[in-house]
Amino acid sequence: MTVKKDLDKAVAAAESAKGTYAAFAQSTEDQNAKTMFEQMSQDMDRHIAQLNSRLSSTAENQLK
């Protein structure tokens, strides 16, 4: 199903972005930038959770 494939791609992209932000946070000595990247990484956790929730929802709807 296209929707599942698209959601899988979105989850993968969000996980990649989260990793990138976490790496940026680790590599900077600027405390303001570190805080910003840590917050962005945490935002991606929320995005990933929402995408996974949607994936579960679409899977349940297909079983009906």
PDB file of N, CA and C in Angstrom:
ATOM      1  N   MET A   1       0.840  -1.189   0.000  1.00  0.00           N
ATOM      2  CA  MET A   1       0.000   0.000   0.000  1.00  0.00           C
ATOM      3  C   MET A   1       0.883   1.250   0.000  1.00  0.00           C
ATOM      4  N   THR A   2       0.536   2.188  -0.824  1.00  0.00           N
ATOM      5  CA  THR A   2       1.328   3.407  -0.963  1.00  0.00           C
ATOM      6  C   THR A   2       1.399   4.185   0.335  1.00  0.00           C
ATOM      7  N   VAL A   3       0.290   4.300   1.054  1.00  0.00           N
ATOM      8  CA  VAL A   3       0.290   5.078   2.292  1.00  0.00           C
ATOM      9  C   VAL A   3       1.296   4.501   3.277  1.00  0.00           C
ATOM     10  N   LYS A   4       1.324   3.185   3.439  1.00  0.00           N
ATOM     11  CA  LYS A   4       2.268   2.561   4.363  1.00  0.00           C
ATOM     12  C   LYS A   4       3.697   2.834   3.918  1.00  0.00           C
ATOM     13  N   LYS A   5       3.965   2.676   2.626  1.00  0.00           N
ATOM     14  CA  LYS A   5       5.315   2.925   2.128  1.00  0.00           C
ATOM     15  C   LYS A   5       5.715   4.378   2.356  1.00  0.00           C
ATOM     16  N   ASP A   6       4.787   5.293   2.121  1.00  0.00           N
ATOM     17  CA  ASP A   6       5.079   6.712   2.316  1.00  0.00           C
ATOM     18  C   ASP A   6       5.328   7.015   3.794  1.00  0.00           C
ATOM     19  N   LEU A   7       4.537   6.423   4.665  1.00  0.00           N
ATOM     20  CA  LEU A   7       4.737   6.631   6.101  1.00  0.00           C
ATOM     21  C   LEU A   7       6.056   6.021   6.555  1.00  0.00           C
ATOM     22  N   ASP A   8       6.395   4.852   6.028  1.00  0.00           N
ATOM     23  CA  ASP A   8       7.687   4.237   6.356  1.00  0.00           C
ATOM     24  C   ASP A   8       8.840   5.157   5.952  1.00  0.00           C
ATOM     25  N   LYS A   9       8.716   5.767   4.770  1.00  0.00           N
ATOM     26  CA  LYS A   9       9.746   6.696   4.309  1.00  0.00           C
ATOM     27  C   LYS A   9       9.817   7.916   5.219  1.00  0.00           C
ATOM     28  N   ALA A  10       8.671   8.417   5.641  1.00  0.00           N
ATOM     29  CA  ALA A  10       8.643   9.587   6.514  1.00  0.00           C
ATOM     30  C   ALA A  10       9.275   9.272   7.865  1.00  0.00           C
ATOM     31  N   VAL A  11       9.007   8.078   8.403  1.00  0.00           N
ATOM     32  CA  VAL A  11       9.617   7.664   9.673  1.00  0.00           C
ATOM     33  C   VAL A  11      11.135   7.587   9.511  1.00  0.00           C
ATOM     34  N   ALA A  12      11.587   6.988   8.433  1.00  0.00           N
ATOM     35  CA  ALA A  12      13.029   6.870   8.197  1.00  0.00           C
ATOM     36  C   ALA A  12      13.681   8.243   8.073  1.00  0.00           C
ATOM     37  N   ALA A  13      13.024   9.155   7.381  1.00  0.00           N
ATOM     38  CA  ALA A  13      13.568  10.505   7.227  1.00  0.00           C
ATOM     39  C   ALA A  13      13.612  11.228   8.570  1.00  0.00           C
ATOM     40  N   ALA A  14      12.565  11.067   9.375  1.00  0.00           N
ATOM     41  CA  ALA A  14      12.526  11.712  10.689  1.00  0.00           C
ATOM     42  C   ALA A  14      13.606  11.144  11.601  1.00  0.00           C
ATOM     43  N   GLU A  15      13.804   9.837  11.549  1.00  0.00           N
ATOM     44  CA  GLU A  15      14.857   9.223  12.362  1.00  0.00           C
ATOM     45  C   GLU A  15      16.241   9.706  11.925  1.00  0.00           C
ATOM     46  N   SER A  16      16.419   9.875  10.620  1.00  0.00           N
ATOM     47  CA  SER A  16      17.681  10.387  10.107  1.00  0.00           C
ATOM     48  C   SER A  16      17.919  11.818  10.580  1.00  0.00           C
ATOM     49  N   ALA A  17      16.890  12.639  10.485  1.00  0.00           N
ATOM     50  CA  ALA A  17      17.009  14.028  10.937  1.00  0.00           C
ATOM     51  C   ALA A  17      17.316  14.075  12.431  1.00  0.00           C
ATOM     52  N   LYS A  18      16.646  13.224  13.205  1.00  0.00           N
ATOM     53  CA  LYS A  18      16.907  13.177  14.646  1.00  0.00           C
ATOM     54  C   LYS A  18      18.379  12.876  14.918  1.00  0.00           C
ATOM     55  N   GLY A  19      18.915  11.909  14.203  1.00  0.00           N
ATOM     56  CA  GLY A  19      20.324  11.557  14.374  1.00  0.00           C
ATOM     57  C   GLY A  19      21.251  12.689  13.982  1.00  0.00           C
ATOM     58  N   THR A  20      20.902  13.385  12.919  1.00  0.00           N
ATOM     59  CA  THR A  20      21.708  14.515  12.476  1.00  0.00           C
ATOM     60  C   THR A  20      21.704  15.614  13.534  1.00  0.00           C
ATOM     61  N   TYR A  21      20.532  15.931  14.066  1.00  0.00           N
ATOM     62  CA  TYR A  21      20.441  16.974  15.093  1.00  0.00           C
ATOM     63  C   TYR A  21      21.218  16.573  16.344  1.00  0.00           C
ATOM     64  N   ALA A  22      21.115  15.314  16.726  1.00  0.00           N
ATOM     65  CA  ALA A  22      21.847  14.841  17.908  1.00  0.00           C
ATOM     66  C   ALA A  22      23.353  14.959  17.681  1.00  0.00           C
ATOM     67  N   ALA A  23      23.805  14.634  16.476  1.00  0.00           N
ATOM     68  CA  ALA A  23      25.224  14.750  16.154  1.00  0.00           C
ATOM     69  C   ALA A  23      25.674  16.208  16.186  1.00  0.00           C
ATOM     70  N   PHE A  24      24.838  17.098  15.656  1.00  0.00           N
ATOM     71  CA  PHE A  24      25.161  18.523  15.702  1.00  0.00           C
ATOM     72  C   PHE A  24      25.278  18.993  17.147  1.00  0.00           C
ATOM     73  N   ALA A  25      24.352  18.546  17.985  1.00  0.00           N
ATOM     74  CA  ALA A  25      24.368  18.954  19.397  1.00  0.00           C
ATOM     75  C   ALA A  25      25.655  18.505  20.080  1.00  0.00           C
ATOM     76  N   GLN A  26      26.121  17.316  19.728  1.00  0.00           N
ATOM     77  CA  GLN A  26      27.341  16.790  20.332  1.00  0.00           C
ATOM     78  C   GLN A  26      28.595  17.496  19.828  1.00  0.00           C
ATOM     79  N   SER A  27      28.542  17.972  18.597  1.00  0.00           N
ATOM     80  CA  SER A  27      29.764  18.491  17.995  1.00  0.00           C
ATOM     81  C   SER A  27      29.980  19.993  18.189  1.00  0.00           C
ATOM     82  N   THR A  28      28.986  20.694  18.715  1.00  0.00           N
ATOM     83  CA  THR A  28      29.152  22.131  18.883  1.00  0.00           C
ATOM     84  C   THR A  28      29.534  22.482  20.320  1.00  0.00           C
ATOM     85  N   GLU A  29      30.288  23.542  20.444  1.00  0.00           N
ATOM     86  CA  GLU A  29      30.630  24.047  21.771  1.00  0.00           C
ATOM     87  C   GLU A  29      29.750  25.241  22.145  1.00  0.00           C
ATOM     88  N   ASP A  30      28.992  25.733  21.180  1.00  0.00           N
ATOM     89  CA  ASP A  30      28.078  26.860  21.407  1.00  0.00           C
ATOM     90  C   ASP A  30      26.858  26.338  22.167  1.00  0.00           C
ATOM     91  N   GLN A  31      26.683  26.776  23.400  1.00  0.00           N
ATOM     92  CA  GLN A  31      25.606  26.247  24.250  1.00  0.00           C
ATOM     93  C   GLN A  31      24.224  26.543  23.670  1.00  0.00           C
ATOM     94  N   ASN A  32      24.065  27.720  23.055  1.00  0.00           N
ATOM     95  CA  ASN A  32      22.764  28.042  22.451  1.00  0.00           C
ATOM     96  C   ASN A  32      22.449  27.095  21.299  1.00  0.00           C
ATOM     97  N   ALA A  33      23.447  26.834  20.473  1.00  0.00           N
ATOM     98  CA  ALA A  33      23.248  25.911  19.353  1.00  0.00           C
ATOM     99  C   ALA A  33      23.001  24.496  19.869  1.00  0.00           C
ATOM    100  N   LYS A  34      23.741  24.100  20.892  1.00  0.00           N
ATOM    101  CA  LYS A  34      23.562  22.764  21.473  1.00  0.00           C
ATOM    102  C   LYS A  34      22.122  22.583  21.961  1.00  0.00           C
ATOM    103  N   THR A  35      21.624  23.575  22.679  1.00  0.00           N
ATOM    104  CA  THR A  35      20.252  23.517  23.190  1.00  0.00           C
ATOM    105  C   THR A  35      19.253  23.446  22.046  1.00  0.00           C
ATOM    106  N   MET A  36      19.469  24.270  21.020  1.00  0.00           N
ATOM    107  CA  MET A  36      18.574  24.276  19.870  1.00  0.00           C
ATOM    108  C   MET A  36      18.530  22.901  19.198  1.00  0.00           C
ATOM    109  N   PHE A  37      19.706  22.302  18.947  1.00  0.00           N
ATOM    110  CA  PHE A  37      19.744  21.003  18.286  1.00  0.00           C
ATOM    111  C   PHE A  37      19.158  19.899  19.164  1.00  0.00           C
ATOM    112  N   GLU A  38      19.363  19.985  20.466  1.00  0.00           N
ATOM    113  CA  GLU A  38      18.757  18.999  21.372  1.00  0.00           C
ATOM    114  C   GLU A  38      17.240  19.103  21.333  1.00  0.00           C
ATOM    115  N   GLN A  39      16.721  20.321  21.300  1.00  0.00           N
ATOM    116  CA  GLN A  39      15.272  20.510  21.216  1.00  0.00           C
ATOM    117  C   GLN A  39      14.724  20.007  19.884  1.00  0.00           C
ATOM    118  N   MET A  40      15.464  20.248  18.830  1.00  0.00           N
ATOM    119  CA  MET A  40      15.039  19.760  17.513  1.00  0.00           C
ATOM    120  C   MET A  40      15.012  18.233  17.491  1.00  0.00           C
ATOM    121  N   SER A  41      15.996  17.615  18.124  1.00  0.00           N
ATOM    122  CA  SER A  41      16.024  16.152  18.212  1.00  0.00           C
ATOM    123  C   SER A  41      14.811  15.644  18.993  1.00  0.00           C
ATOM    124  N   GLN A  42      14.484  16.327  20.084  1.00  0.00           N
ATOM    125  CA  GLN A  42      13.311  15.938  20.874  1.00  0.00           C
ATOM    126  C   GLN A  42      12.023  16.137  20.078  1.00  0.00           C
ATOM    127  N   ASP A  43      11.965  17.190  19.280  1.00  0.00           N
ATOM    128  CA  ASP A  43      10.800  17.398  18.419  1.00  0.00           C
ATOM    129  C   ASP A  43      10.637  16.224  17.459  1.00  0.00           C
ATOM    130  N   MET A  44      11.748  15.724  16.957  1.00  0.00           N
ATOM    131  CA  MET A  44      11.674  14.595  16.032  1.00  0.00           C
ATOM    132  C   MET A  44      11.140  13.353  16.734  1.00  0.00           C
ATOM    133  N   ASP A  45      11.417  13.191  18.036  1.00  0.00           N
ATOM    134  CA  ASP A  45      10.830  12.075  18.779  1.00  0.00           C
ATOM    135  C   ASP A  45       9.307  12.145  18.714  1.00  0.00           C
ATOM    136  N   ARG A  46       8.767  13.344  18.866  1.00  0.00           N
ATOM    137  CA  ARG A  46       7.312  13.512  18.790  1.00  0.00           C
ATOM    138  C   ARG A  46       6.805  13.208  17.387  1.00  0.00           C
ATOM    139  N   HIS A  47       7.527  13.682  16.396  1.00  0.00           N
ATOM    140  CA  HIS A  47       7.117  13.429  15.012  1.00  0.00           C
ATOM    141  C   HIS A  47       7.123  11.931  14.712  1.00  0.00           C
ATOM    142  N   ILE A  48       8.169  11.259  15.146  1.00  0.00           N
ATOM    143  CA  ILE A  48       8.279   9.817  14.915  1.00  0.00           C
ATOM    144  C   ILE A  48       7.135   9.075  15.606  1.00  0.00           C
ATOM    145  N   ALA A  49       6.824   9.478  16.831  1.00  0.00           N
ATOM    146  CA  ALA A  49       5.718   8.841  17.558  1.00  0.00           C
ATOM    147  C   ALA A  49       4.398   9.054  16.829  1.00  0.00           C
ATOM    148  N   GLN A  50       4.173  10.255  16.315  1.00  0.00           N
ATOM    149  CA  GLN A  50       2.934  10.528  15.593  1.00  0.00           C
ATOM    150  C   GLN A  50       2.868   9.723  14.301  1.00  0.00           C
ATOM    151  N   LEU A  51       3.975   9.638  13.593  1.00  0.00           N
ATOM    152  CA  LEU A  51       3.997   8.849  12.357  1.00  0.00           C
ATOM    153  C   LEU A  51       3.761   7.369  12.649  1.00  0.00           C
ATOM    154  N   ASN A  52       4.391   6.851  13.703  1.00  0.00           N
ATOM    155  CA  ASN A  52       4.187   5.446  14.057  1.00  0.00           C
ATOM    156  C   ASN A  52       2.750   5.189  14.490  1.00  0.00           C
ATOM    157  N   SER A  53       2.152   6.155  15.160  1.00  0.00           N
ATOM    158  CA  SER A  53       0.742   6.027  15.536  1.00  0.00           C
ATOM    159  C   SER A  53      -0.133   5.943  14.287  1.00  0.00           C
ATOM    160  N   ARG A  54       0.178   6.769  13.326  1.00  0.00           N
ATOM    161  CA  ARG A  54      -0.579   6.745  12.073  1.00  0.00           C
ATOM    162  C   ARG A  54      -0.368   5.428  11.336  1.00  0.00           C
ATOM    163  N   LEU A  55       0.850   4.919  11.361  1.00  0.00           N
ATOM    164  CA  LEU A  55       1.123   3.611  10.750  1.00  0.00           C
ATOM    165  C   LEU A  55       0.271   2.531  11.392  1.00  0.00           C
ATOM    166  N   SER A  56       0.202   2.539  12.709  1.00  0.00           N
ATOM    167  CA  SER A  56      -0.606   1.546  13.433  1.00  0.00           C
ATOM    168  C   SER A  56      -2.075   1.681  13.074  1.00  0.00           C
ATOM    169  N   SER A  57      -2.517   2.921  12.985  1.00  0.00           N
ATOM    170  CA  SER A  57      -3.914   3.184  12.654  1.00  0.00           C
ATOM    171  C   SER A  57      -4.268   2.673  11.263  1.00  0.00           C
ATOM    172  N   THR A  58      -3.392   2.908  10.300  1.00  0.00           N
ATOM    173  CA  THR A  58      -3.682   2.442   8.939  1.00  0.00           C
ATOM    174  C   THR A  58      -3.637   0.918   8.875  1.00  0.00           C
ATOM    175  N   ALA A  59      -2.755   0.310   9.639  1.00  0.00           N
ATOM    176  CA  ALA A  59      -2.677  -1.158   9.662  1.00  0.00           C
ATOM    177  C   ALA A  59      -3.946  -1.748  10.252  1.00  0.00           C
ATOM    178  N   GLU A  60      -4.446  -1.135  11.319  1.00  0.00           N
ATOM    179  CA  GLU A  60      -5.686  -1.617  11.946  1.00  0.00           C
ATOM    180  C   GLU A  60      -6.864  -1.470  11.003  1.00  0.00           C
ATOM    181  N   ASN A  61      -6.919  -0.364  10.264  1.00  0.00           N
ATOM    182  CA  ASN A  61      -8.025  -0.138   9.335  1.00  0.00           C
ATOM    183  C   ASN A  61      -8.015  -1.141   8.200  1.00  0.00           C
ATOM    184  N   GLN A  62      -6.848  -1.622   7.817  1.00  0.00           N
ATOM    185  CA  GLN A  62      -6.775  -2.615   6.741  1.00  0.00           C
ATOM    186  C   GLN A  62      -7.259  -3.977   7.207  1.00  0.00           C
ATOM    187  N   LEU A  63      -7.173  -4.227   8.515  1.00  0.00           N
ATOM    188  CA  LEU A  63      -7.604  -5.511   9.033  1.00  0.00           C
ATOM    189  C   LEU A  63      -9.130  -5.604   9.144  1.00  0.00           C
ATOM    190  N   LYS A  64      -9.794  -4.481   9.092  1.00  0.00           N
ATOM    191  CA  LYS A  64     -11.264  -4.467   9.239  1.00  0.00           C
ATOM    192  C   LYS A  64     -11.962  -4.842   7.967  1.00  0.00           C
TER     193      LYS A  64
END
